C-alpha atoms as a PDB file:
ATOM      1  CA  MET A   1      19.232  96.739  37.134  1.00  0.00           C
ATOM      2  CA  VAL A   2      21.881  99.041  38.567  1.00  0.00           C
ATOM      3  CA  ARG A   3      22.817 101.721  36.056  1.00  0.00           C
ATOM      4  CA  PHE A   4      26.300 103.190  35.942  1.00  0.00           C
ATOM      5  CA  THR A   5      27.083 106.537  34.395  1.00  0.00           C
ATOM      6  CA  PHE A   6      30.168 105.698  32.370  1.00  0.00           C
ATOM      7  CA  ALA A   7      32.326 108.107  30.377  1.00  0.00           C
ATOM      8  CA  PRO A   8      35.366 106.042  29.291  1.00  0.00           C
ATOM      9  CA  ALA A   9      37.773 108.837  28.429  1.00  0.00           C
ATOM     10  CA  GLU A  10      37.319 110.644  31.728  1.00  0.00           C
ATOM     11  CA  CYS A  11      36.829 107.543  33.888  1.00  0.00           C
ATOM     12  CA  GLN A  12      33.802 109.172  35.503  1.00  0.00           C
ATOM     13  CA  GLY A  13      30.591 107.940  36.966  1.00  0.00           C
ATOM     14  CA  TRP A  14      31.019 105.969  40.173  1.00  0.00           C
ATOM     15  CA  GLN A  15      30.212 108.756  42.609  1.00  0.00           C
ATOM     16  CA  SER A  16      27.354 106.815  44.182  1.00  0.00           C
ATOM     17  CA  ILE A  17      28.722 103.272  44.061  1.00  0.00           C
ATOM     18  CA  VAL A  18      30.484 103.237  47.413  1.00  0.00           C
ATOM     19  CA  ARG A  19      29.175 105.602  50.043  1.00  0.00           C
ATOM     20  CA  GLY A  20      28.748 103.548  53.180  1.00  0.00           C
ATOM     21  CA  ASP A  21      26.719 106.343  54.773  1.00  0.00           C
ATOM     22  CA  ARG A  22      23.679 104.220  55.620  1.00  0.00           C
ATOM     23  CA  MET A  23      23.940 101.428  58.122  1.00  0.00           C
ATOM     24  CA  ALA A  24      22.002  98.210  57.640  1.00  0.00           C
ATOM     25  CA  GLY A  25      19.574  98.578  60.502  1.00  0.00           C
ATOM     26  CA  GLY A  26      22.249 100.260  62.608  1.00  0.00           C
ATOM     27  CA  LYS A  27      25.460  98.783  63.962  1.00  0.00           C
ATOM     28  CA  TRP A  28      23.986  98.327  67.428  1.00  0.00           C
ATOM     29  CA  VAL A  29      20.615  97.080  68.644  1.00  0.00           C
ATOM     30  CA  LYS A  30      19.068  99.562  71.063  1.00  0.00           C
ATOM     31  CA  ASP A  31      17.788  99.032  74.589  1.00  0.00           C
ATOM     32  CA  LEU A  32      19.827  95.949  75.474  1.00  0.00           C
ATOM     33  CA  GLN A  33      21.259  95.762  78.976  1.00  0.00           C
ATOM     34  CA  ALA A  34      23.502  93.249  80.715  1.00  0.00           C
ATOM     35  CA  GLU A  35      20.526  92.050  82.749  1.00  0.00           C
ATOM     36  CA  THR A  36      18.218  91.632  79.734  1.00  0.00           C
ATOM     37  CA  PRO A  37      16.915  88.036  79.754  1.00  0.00           C
ATOM     38  CA  LEU A  38      18.710  86.035  77.077  1.00  0.00           C
ATOM     39  CA  ALA A  39      15.562  84.868  75.276  1.00  0.00           C
ATOM     40  CA  GLU A  40      14.228  88.422  75.113  1.00  0.00           C
ATOM     41  CA  ALA A  41      17.590  89.677  73.818  1.00  0.00           C
ATOM     42  CA  ALA A  42      17.693  86.934  71.184  1.00  0.00           C
ATOM     43  CA  ARG A  43      14.213  87.797  69.911  1.00  0.00           C
ATOM     44  CA  ARG A  44      14.991  91.513  69.803  1.00  0.00           C
ATOM     45  CA  VAL A  45      18.343  91.126  68.059  1.00  0.00           C
ATOM     46  CA  LEU A  46      17.121  88.571  65.531  1.00  0.00           C
ATOM     47  CA  ARG A  47      14.027  90.626  64.722  1.00  0.00           C
ATOM     48  CA  THR A  48      16.134  93.749  64.139  1.00  0.00           C
ATOM     49  CA  ARG A  49      18.701  91.957  61.989  1.00  0.00           C
ATOM     50  CA  LEU A  50      16.146  90.042  59.917  1.00  0.00           C
ATOM     51  CA  ASP A  51      14.096  93.205  59.347  1.00  0.00           C
ATOM     52  CA  ALA A  52      17.212  94.873  57.907  1.00  0.00           C
ATOM     53  CA  VAL A  53      17.788  91.933  55.557  1.00  0.00           C
ATOM     54  CA  LYS A  54      14.176  92.090  54.379  1.00  0.00           C
ATOM     55  CA  LYS A  55      14.385  95.842  53.771  1.00  0.00           C
ATOM     56  CA  TYR A  56      17.371  95.618  51.433  1.00  0.00           C
ATOM     57  CA  LEU A  57      16.269  92.312  49.939  1.00  0.00           C
ATOM     58  CA  ASP A  58      13.005  93.929  48.860  1.00  0.00           C
ATOM     59  CA  LEU A  59      14.895  96.850  47.297  1.00  0.00           C
ATOM     60  CA  VAL A  60      17.147  94.511  45.330  1.00  0.00           C
ATOM     61  CA  VAL A  61      14.163  92.458  44.144  1.00  0.00           C
ATOM     62  CA  LYS A  62      12.444  95.673  43.014  1.00  0.00           C
ATOM     63  CA  LYS A  63      15.649  96.473  41.077  1.00  0.00           C
ATOM     64  CA  ASP A  64      16.235  99.742  42.874  1.00  0.00           C
ATOM     65  CA  GLU A  65      19.107 101.414  41.023  1.00  0.00           C
ATOM     66  CA  ASP A  66      21.147 102.480  44.077  1.00  0.00           C
ATOM     67  CA  PRO A  67      24.231 100.199  44.380  1.00  0.00           C
ATOM     68  CA  GLU A  68      24.368 101.023  48.089  1.00  0.00           C
ATOM     69  CA  ASN A  69      21.467  98.608  48.599  1.00  0.00           C
ATOM     70  CA  VAL A  70      23.696  95.741  47.458  1.00  0.00           C
ATOM     71  CA  HIS A  71      26.289  96.724  50.051  1.00  0.00           C
ATOM     72  CA  GLN A  72      23.697  96.965  52.808  1.00  0.00           C
ATOM     73  CA  LEU A  73      22.206  93.598  51.860  1.00  0.00           C
ATOM     74  CA  ARG A  74      25.649  92.056  52.237  1.00  0.00           C
ATOM     75  CA  VAL A  75      26.230  93.806  55.580  1.00  0.00           C
ATOM     76  CA  SER A  76      22.819  92.950  57.013  1.00  0.00           C
ATOM     77  CA  SER A  77      23.142  89.307  55.923  1.00  0.00           C
ATOM     78  CA  ARG A  78      26.519  89.032  57.610  1.00  0.00           C
ATOM     79  CA  ARG A  79      25.282  90.631  60.836  1.00  0.00           C
ATOM     80  CA  THR A  80      22.228  88.392  60.928  1.00  0.00           C
ATOM     81  CA  ALA A  81      24.363  85.282  60.426  1.00  0.00           C
ATOM     82  CA  ALA A  82      26.557  86.403  63.330  1.00  0.00           C
ATOM     83  CA  ALA A  83      23.460  86.898  65.510  1.00  0.00           C
ATOM     84  CA  LEU A  84      22.193  83.433  64.600  1.00  0.00           C
ATOM     85  CA  ASP A  85      25.488  81.908  65.680  1.00  0.00           C
ATOM     86  CA  MET A  86      25.583  83.919  68.898  1.00  0.00           C
ATOM     87  CA  PHE A  87      22.066  82.827  69.861  1.00  0.00           C
ATOM     88  CA  GLU A  88      22.291  79.345  68.352  1.00  0.00           C
ATOM     89  CA  ASP A  89      21.446  77.655  71.661  1.00  0.00           C
ATOM     90  CA  CYS A  90      18.174  79.603  71.735  1.00  0.00           C
ATOM     91  CA  LEU A  91      17.018  78.212  68.384  1.00  0.00           C
ATOM     92  CA  PRO A  92      15.890  74.804  67.127  1.00  0.00           C
ATOM     93  CA  SER A  93      18.704  73.329  65.043  1.00  0.00           C
ATOM     94  CA  LYS A  94      16.571  73.082  61.884  1.00  0.00           C
ATOM     95  CA  VAL A  95      15.545  76.735  62.097  1.00  0.00           C
ATOM     96  CA  HIS A  96      19.126  77.843  62.671  1.00  0.00           C
ATOM     97  CA  SER A  97      20.434  75.730  59.787  1.00  0.00           C
ATOM     98  CA  LYS A  98      17.776  76.893  57.319  1.00  0.00           C
ATOM     99  CA  ALA A  99      18.266  80.554  58.193  1.00  0.00           C
ATOM    100  CA  LYS A 100      22.048  80.284  57.833  1.00  0.00           C
ATOM    101  CA  LYS A 101      21.653  78.654  54.431  1.00  0.00           C
ATOM    102  CA  LYS A 102      19.389  81.428  53.149  1.00  0.00           C
ATOM    103  CA  LEU A 103      21.699  84.158  54.429  1.00  0.00           C
ATOM    104  CA  LYS A 104      24.807  82.513  53.004  1.00  0.00           C
ATOM    105  CA  LYS A 105      23.216  82.448  49.566  1.00  0.00           C
ATOM    106  CA  LEU A 106      22.368  86.137  49.789  1.00  0.00           C
ATOM    107  CA  ARG A 107      25.702  87.176  51.267  1.00  0.00           C
ATOM    108  CA  ARG A 108      27.733  85.448  48.577  1.00  0.00           C
ATOM    109  CA  ALA A 109      25.657  86.858  45.721  1.00  0.00           C
ATOM    110  CA  ALA A 110      25.663  90.389  47.139  1.00  0.00           C
ATOM    111  CA  GLY A 111      29.365  90.111  47.953  1.00  0.00           C
ATOM    112  CA  ALA A 112      30.317  89.262  44.381  1.00  0.00           C
ATOM    113  CA  ALA A 113      28.469  92.316  43.041  1.00  0.00           C
ATOM    114  CA  ARG A 114      29.816  94.554  45.793  1.00  0.00           C
ATOM    115  CA  ASP A 115      33.424  93.524  45.098  1.00  0.00           C
ATOM    116  CA  TRP A 116      33.105  94.760  41.516  1.00  0.00           C
ATOM    117  CA  ASP A 117      31.547  98.009  42.770  1.00  0.00           C
ATOM    118  CA  VAL A 118      34.557  98.591  45.003  1.00  0.00           C
ATOM    119  CA  PHE A 119      36.952  97.678  42.187  1.00  0.00           C
ATOM    120  CA  LEU A 120      35.309 100.207  39.874  1.00  0.00           C
ATOM    121  CA  GLN A 121      35.298 102.847  42.592  1.00  0.00           C
ATOM    122  CA  SER A 122      39.054 102.431  43.028  1.00  0.00           C
ATOM    123  CA  PHE A 123      39.621 104.076  39.648  1.00  0.00           C
ATOM    124  CA  LYS A 124      37.806 107.252  40.621  1.00  0.00           C
ATOM    125  CA  SER A 125      40.754 108.860  42.425  1.00  0.00           C
ATOM    126  CA  ARG A 126      43.475 107.690  40.058  1.00  0.00           C
ATOM    127  CA  ALA A 127      45.273 110.132  37.817  1.00  0.00           C
ATOM    128  CA  VAL A 128      45.610 108.374  34.466  1.00  0.00           C
ATOM    129  CA  PRO A 129      48.010 109.557  31.747  1.00  0.00           C
ATOM    130  CA  ALA A 130      46.399 110.013  28.352  1.00  0.00           C
ATOM    131  CA  LYS A 131      48.485 107.225  26.835  1.00  0.00           C
ATOM    132  CA  ALA A 132      47.173 104.751  29.416  1.00  0.00           C
ATOM    133  CA  ARG A 133      43.479 105.512  28.983  1.00  0.00           C
ATOM    134  CA  ASP A 134      42.840 102.946  26.263  1.00  0.00           C
ATOM    135  CA  GLY A 135      44.151 100.169  28.477  1.00  0.00           C
ATOM    136  CA  LEU A 136      42.223 101.472  31.460  1.00  0.00           C
ATOM    137  CA  ASN A 137      39.026 101.667  29.447  1.00  0.00           C
ATOM    138  CA  LEU A 138      39.488  98.021  28.504  1.00  0.00           C
ATOM    139  CA  VAL A 139      39.846  97.030  32.150  1.00  0.00           C
ATOM    140  CA  ILE A 140      36.821  99.104  33.146  1.00  0.00           C
ATOM    141  CA  GLY A 141      34.733  97.623  30.354  1.00  0.00           C
ATOM    142  CA  TYR A 142      35.607  94.123  31.536  1.00  0.00           C
ATOM    143  CA  ALA A 143      34.798  95.046  35.136  1.00  0.00           C
ATOM    144  CA  LEU A 144      31.416  96.455  34.135  1.00  0.00           C
ATOM    145  CA  SER A 145      30.550  93.270  32.261  1.00  0.00           C
ATOM    146  CA  GLN A 146      31.503  91.179  35.311  1.00  0.00           C
ATOM    147  CA  ARG A 147      29.474  93.487  37.558  1.00  0.00           C
ATOM    148  CA  GLN A 148      26.471  92.979  35.301  1.00  0.00           C
ATOM    149  CA  ALA A 149      26.884  89.195  35.431  1.00  0.00           C
ATOM    150  CA  ALA A 150      27.168  89.336  39.231  1.00  0.00           C
ATOM    151  CA  GLU A 151      24.039  91.470  39.371  1.00  0.00           C
ATOM    152  CA  THR A 152      22.120  88.902  37.343  1.00  0.00           C
ATOM    153  CA  ARG A 153      23.137  86.164  39.793  1.00  0.00           C
ATOM    154  CA  LEU A 154      22.206  88.398  42.730  1.00  0.00           C
ATOM    155  CA  GLU A 155      18.771  89.125  41.294  1.00  0.00           C
ATOM    156  CA  SER A 156      18.176  85.393  40.869  1.00  0.00           C
ATOM    157  CA  ALA A 157      19.254  84.627  44.441  1.00  0.00           C
ATOM    158  CA  ALA A 158      17.222  87.529  45.822  1.00  0.00           C
ATOM    159  CA  GLN A 159      14.093  86.449  43.965  1.00  0.00           C
ATOM    160  CA  ASP A 160      14.466  82.936  45.341  1.00  0.00           C
ATOM    161  CA  VAL A 161      15.156  83.920  48.959  1.00  0.00           C
ATOM    162  CA  SER A 162      12.568  86.707  49.038  1.00  0.00           C
ATOM    163  CA  LYS A 163       9.681  84.260  48.623  1.00  0.00           C
ATOM    164  CA  LYS A 164       7.913  84.264  52.011  1.00  0.00           C
ATOM    165  CA  PHE A 165      11.028  85.714  53.675  1.00  0.00           C
ATOM    166  CA  GLY A 166       8.941  87.921  55.969  1.00  0.00           C
ATOM    167  CA  LYS A 167       6.967  84.904  57.175  1.00  0.00           C
ATOM    168  CA  PHE A 168      10.164  82.919  57.644  1.00  0.00           C
ATOM    169  CA  ALA A 169      11.762  85.748  59.642  1.00  0.00           C
ATOM    170  CA  LYS A 170       8.787  85.810  62.011  1.00  0.00           C
ATOM    171  CA  LYS A 171       9.100  82.044  62.423  1.00  0.00           C
ATOM    172  CA  VAL A 172      12.770  82.367  63.383  1.00  0.00           C
ATOM    173  CA  VAL A 173      11.998  84.958  66.062  1.00  0.00           C
ATOM    174  CA  ALA A 174       8.987  83.031  67.372  1.00  0.00           C
ATOM    175  CA  SER A 175      11.042  79.843  67.677  1.00  0.00           C
ATOM    176  CA  VAL A 176      13.052  81.305  70.570  1.00  0.00           C
ATOM    177  CA  PRO A 177      11.470  79.583  73.591  1.00  0.00           C
ATOM    178  CA  ARG A 178      10.242  81.466  76.614  1.00  0.00           C
ATOM    179  CA  PRO A 179      11.878  80.264  79.855  1.00  0.00           C
ATOM    180  CA  ALA A 180       9.813  78.480  82.475  1.00  0.00           C
ATOM    181  CA  SER A 181       8.536  80.976  85.030  1.00  0.00           C
ATOM    182  CA  GLN A 182      10.028  79.088  87.974  1.00  0.00           C
ATOM    183  CA  ASN A 183      13.551  79.269  86.579  1.00  0.00           C
ATOM    184  CA  LYS A 184      15.855  82.255  86.858  1.00  0.00           C
ATOM    185  CA  PRO A 185      16.349  83.319  83.233  1.00  0.00           C
ATOM    186  CA  GLN A 186      19.810  83.428  81.755  1.00  0.00           C
ATOM    187  CA  THR A 187      20.825  86.986  80.915  1.00  0.00           C
ATOM    188  CA  LEU A 188      22.741  88.618  78.103  1.00  0.00           C
ATOM    189  CA  ALA A 189      25.652  89.107  80.505  1.00  0.00           C
ATOM    190  CA  ASP A 190      25.787  85.343  81.084  1.00  0.00           C
ATOM    191  CA  LEU A 191      26.037  84.761  77.344  1.00  0.00           C
ATOM    192  CA  ALA A 192      28.662  87.487  76.961  1.00  0.00           C
ATOM    193  CA  ARG A 193      30.900  85.892  79.578  1.00  0.00           C
ATOM    194  CA  GLU A 194      30.659  82.545  77.813  1.00  0.00           C
ATOM    195  CA  ALA A 195      31.215  84.038  74.359  1.00  0.00           C
ATOM    196  CA  VAL A 196      34.027  86.514  75.047  1.00  0.00           C
ATOM    197  CA  ARG A 197      36.507  84.119  76.664  1.00  0.00           C
ATOM    198  CA  PRO A 198      37.152  81.955  73.569  1.00  0.00           C
ATOM    199  CA  LEU A 199      37.261  85.071  71.373  1.00  0.00           C
ATOM    200  CA  VAL A 200      39.934  86.665  73.546  1.00  0.00           C
ATOM    201  CA  ARG A 201      41.920  83.414  73.657  1.00  0.00           C
ATOM    202  CA  ALA A 202      41.801  83.142  69.862  1.00  0.00           C
ATOM    203  CA  LEU A 203      42.838  86.776  69.431  1.00  0.00           C
ATOM    204  CA  THR A 204      45.727  86.347  71.850  1.00  0.00           C
ATOM    205  CA  ARG A 205      46.879  83.204  70.046  1.00  0.00           C
ATOM    206  CA  ASP A 206      46.749  84.864  66.625  1.00  0.00           C
ATOM    207  CA  ALA A 207      48.488  88.016  67.884  1.00  0.00           C
ATOM    208  CA  HIS A 208      51.543  85.949  68.900  1.00  0.00           C
ATOM    209  CA  ARG A 209      52.080  84.682  65.362  1.00  0.00           C
ATOM    210  CA  ASP A 210      54.486  86.191  62.855  1.00  0.00           C
ATOM    211  CA  LEU A 211      52.608  89.358  61.886  1.00  0.00           C
ATOM    212  CA  THR A 212      54.956  90.109  59.011  1.00  0.00           C
ATOM    213  CA  ASP A 213      53.085  87.302  57.222  1.00  0.00           C
ATOM    214  CA  ALA A 214      50.050  88.691  55.378  1.00  0.00           C
ATOM    215  CA  ASP A 215      47.827  85.679  56.150  1.00  0.00           C
ATOM    216  CA  ASN A 216      48.609  85.850  59.870  1.00  0.00           C
ATOM    217  CA  LEU A 217      47.928  89.576  59.903  1.00  0.00           C
ATOM    218  CA  HIS A 218      44.590  88.996  58.185  1.00  0.00           C
ATOM    219  CA  HIS A 219      43.636  86.393  60.820  1.00  0.00           C
ATOM    220  CA  VAL A 220      44.426  88.861  63.597  1.00  0.00           C
ATOM    221  CA  ARG A 221      42.375  91.581  61.930  1.00  0.00           C
ATOM    222  CA  SER A 222      39.409  89.241  61.454  1.00  0.00           C
ATOM    223  CA  GLN A 223      39.606  87.904  64.994  1.00  0.00           C
ATOM    224  CA  GLU A 224      39.872  91.424  66.411  1.00  0.00           C
ATOM    225  CA  ALA A 225      36.684  92.415  64.579  1.00  0.00           C
ATOM    226  CA  LYS A 226      34.840  89.372  65.953  1.00  0.00           C
ATOM    227  CA  THR A 227      35.971  90.239  69.474  1.00  0.00           C
ATOM    228  CA  ARG A 228      35.199  93.933  69.186  1.00  0.00           C
ATOM    229  CA  LEU A 229      31.858  93.804  67.366  1.00  0.00           C
ATOM    230  CA  PRO A 230      29.210  91.483  68.849  1.00  0.00           C
ATOM    231  CA  PRO A 231      26.050  90.912  66.751  1.00  0.00           C
ATOM    232  CA  TRP A 232      23.946  93.113  69.026  1.00  0.00           C
END
């Protein structure tokens, strides 16, 4: 269980909820080059991303009290799902589908808990008049109860997914086939050329919409992140 230090009158105690100073396995996967064979790149990226998920999944299952682990579980699950989609053609459809399902379950559960962490953190820098503290304390108390409920759901999901997750992760990586020796292997650069074109087209399309509309602006921001940050 994550423990919060909570002093209602002073609105203290979320110093460690949102730090973001540890990356889930690192933003980038090392030692990948344009000429890296695609199958080798897929195995390396998937292994790195799945190892990060397992690391933070194990910490959540052990009920480590650092809320940062919830954030990193959400981040690593999202990055692994992106890697699975990028290398989908390298994986058997059943393996890809099963892995996506497991990660979606984790990402949603961790995301719900993380959202309440961020909400609570938002009060840390607010100057609150004395006459408003009773109302604020009520809001904070409600948020803490919702955070606890979200944590319970996360613990349940983590316990379920963690069963044989290490073995499953190895199966995902091993399912990437090795190319026949007589064929020239497809490289990471080949995949990048295929993947970037539709991303750029989608970003260009979204950027020409009315950006004074909040939904359109959100689409552009999301599409820009997809274009800028590949899963490796």
